[in-house]
Structure formats: structure tokens, C-alpha cells
Amino acid sequence: MSINAGQLIVWLITGALAGYIVGLIFRGKGFGTLGNIVIGLLGAVVGGLIFQLLNIRIAGLPSFTFSLADLVVAVIGAVILVVLLRALARR
């Protein structure tokens, strides 16, 4: 698998958007730019793994270099990640 600079930029933007959206969901102003990117990218990995394990496919959303379906999966994964991190922080 080779990654070009354009796709890396799209991943970073998707991660930042997902992190920002999750920051809004959890009543905040996000986690800062770098935090948003990290939470969003980790959320994309978590969401991608969960969706793959459960054999869930998102159809009907436009797919191009920037995929709306990938953003949805990243946001769902990031929400799960933040919930887990907050649960662990309470201990």
C-alpha cells in the first residue's frame, strides 16, 4: 500500500473534522487542532475496525477522494474512543 501526499492530507482533514465534530458532541470546543486530528484519526481506525468486524457498509453516500462515509465512520469511532477514555479517566 502506498500513500501519496494528497491522500495523507485528506486523512488529516478527515481526522480534524471528525475530532471537531466529536468535540461539539461532547459539549466542548474540541480538543485543539492537534488533538482533533489525533482523536479523529484514532476514531477512524476504531470505527473502521468495528464496522469491518460487524460487516457494516455505508452505501448511498458520495465517495471521492474525500469520502463522506469515511467521515461518518471516523466520527462514530471517535465517539466510542472518547467514551472509553472518559470511562477510564474516572477510575
Protein backbone atom coordinates (compact mmCIF):
# COMPACT_ATOMS: atom_id res chain seq x y z
CA MET A 1 0.00 0.00 0.00
CA SER A 2 1.46 3.33 -0.99
CA ILE A 3 0.22 6.62 0.36
CA ASN A 4 0.63 9.81 -1.62
CA ALA A 5 0.83 13.27 -0.12
CA GLY A 6 -2.67 14.17 -1.32
CA GLN A 7 -4.29 11.22 0.42
CA LEU A 8 -2.35 11.94 3.63
CA ILE A 9 -3.69 15.49 3.59
CA VAL A 10 -7.24 14.16 3.09
CA TRP A 11 -6.78 11.80 6.07
CA LEU A 12 -5.58 14.67 8.26
CA ILE A 13 -8.51 16.86 7.22
CA THR A 14 -10.97 13.99 7.81
CA GLY A 15 -9.40 13.36 11.22
CA ALA A 16 -9.58 17.04 12.14
CA LEU A 17 -13.23 17.26 11.07
CA ALA A 18 -14.16 14.09 12.95
CA GLY A 19 -12.37 15.31 16.08
CA TYR A 20 -14.05 18.71 15.83
CA ILE A 21 -17.49 17.12 15.45
CA VAL A 22 -16.86 14.85 18.44
CA GLY A 23 -15.69 17.87 20.44
CA LEU A 24 -19.04 19.52 19.67
CA ILE A 25 -20.96 16.36 20.58
CA PHE A 26 -19.27 16.26 23.98
CA ARG A 27 -20.05 19.93 24.70
CA GLY A 28 -16.72 21.46 24.20
CA LYS A 29 -14.76 23.42 21.73
CA GLY A 30 -12.87 20.38 20.60
CA PHE A 31 -9.51 19.15 21.75
CA GLY A 32 -7.37 21.70 19.94
CA THR A 33 -6.25 21.28 16.35
CA LEU A 34 -3.69 18.55 17.01
CA GLY A 35 -5.98 16.80 19.50
CA ASN A 36 -8.85 16.87 17.00
CA ILE A 37 -6.66 15.31 14.34
CA VAL A 38 -5.40 12.59 16.70
CA ILE A 39 -8.87 11.80 18.10
CA GLY A 40 -10.34 11.80 14.58
CA LEU A 41 -7.65 9.54 13.10
CA LEU A 42 -7.80 7.13 16.04
CA GLY A 43 -11.59 7.25 15.77
CA ALA A 44 -11.34 6.35 12.09
CA VAL A 45 -9.25 3.30 12.98
CA VAL A 46 -11.63 2.26 15.80
CA GLY A 47 -14.72 2.87 13.65
CA GLY A 48 -13.19 1.10 10.65
CA LEU A 49 -12.34 -1.97 12.73
CA ILE A 50 -15.79 -2.10 14.33
CA PHE A 51 -17.60 -1.62 11.01
CA GLN A 52 -15.41 -4.28 9.38
CA LEU A 53 -15.93 -6.77 12.23
CA LEU A 54 -19.70 -6.22 12.15
CA ASN A 55 -19.71 -6.26 8.31
CA ILE A 56 -21.41 -2.84 8.16
CA ARG A 57 -21.26 -0.97 4.87
CA ILE A 58 -22.37 2.61 4.32
CA ALA A 59 -23.94 2.87 0.89
CA GLY A 60 -25.51 5.80 -0.85
CA LEU A 61 -23.05 8.45 0.35
CA PRO A 62 -20.83 10.13 -2.20
CA SER A 63 -17.37 8.63 -2.45
CA PHE A 64 -14.50 10.55 -3.96
CA THR A 65 -11.04 11.44 -2.69
CA PHE A 66 -12.74 12.75 0.44
CA SER A 67 -15.37 10.22 1.44
CA LEU A 68 -18.37 11.28 3.49
CA ALA A 69 -18.76 7.64 4.53
CA ASP A 70 -15.21 7.65 5.91
CA LEU A 71 -16.02 10.80 7.91
CA VAL A 72 -19.14 9.16 9.37
CA VAL A 73 -17.12 6.08 10.39
CA ALA A 74 -14.37 8.30 11.86
CA VAL A 75 -16.88 10.28 13.93
CA ILE A 76 -18.55 7.12 15.25
CA GLY A 77 -15.17 5.61 16.11
CA ALA A 78 -14.02 8.84 17.77
CA VAL A 79 -17.20 8.98 19.89
CA ILE A 80 -16.55 5.42 21.05
CA LEU A 81 -12.92 6.30 21.77
CA VAL A 82 -13.81 9.41 23.81
CA VAL A 83 -16.43 7.50 25.81
CA LEU A 84 -13.85 4.79 26.61
CA LEU A 85 -11.18 7.35 27.53
CA ARG A 86 -13.57 9.23 29.82
CA ALA A 87 -14.66 5.98 31.48
CA LEU A 88 -11.04 5.03 32.12
CA ALA A 89 -10.23 8.51 33.44
CA ARG A 90 -12.96 8.21 36.08
CA ARG A 91 -11.27 5.20 37.64
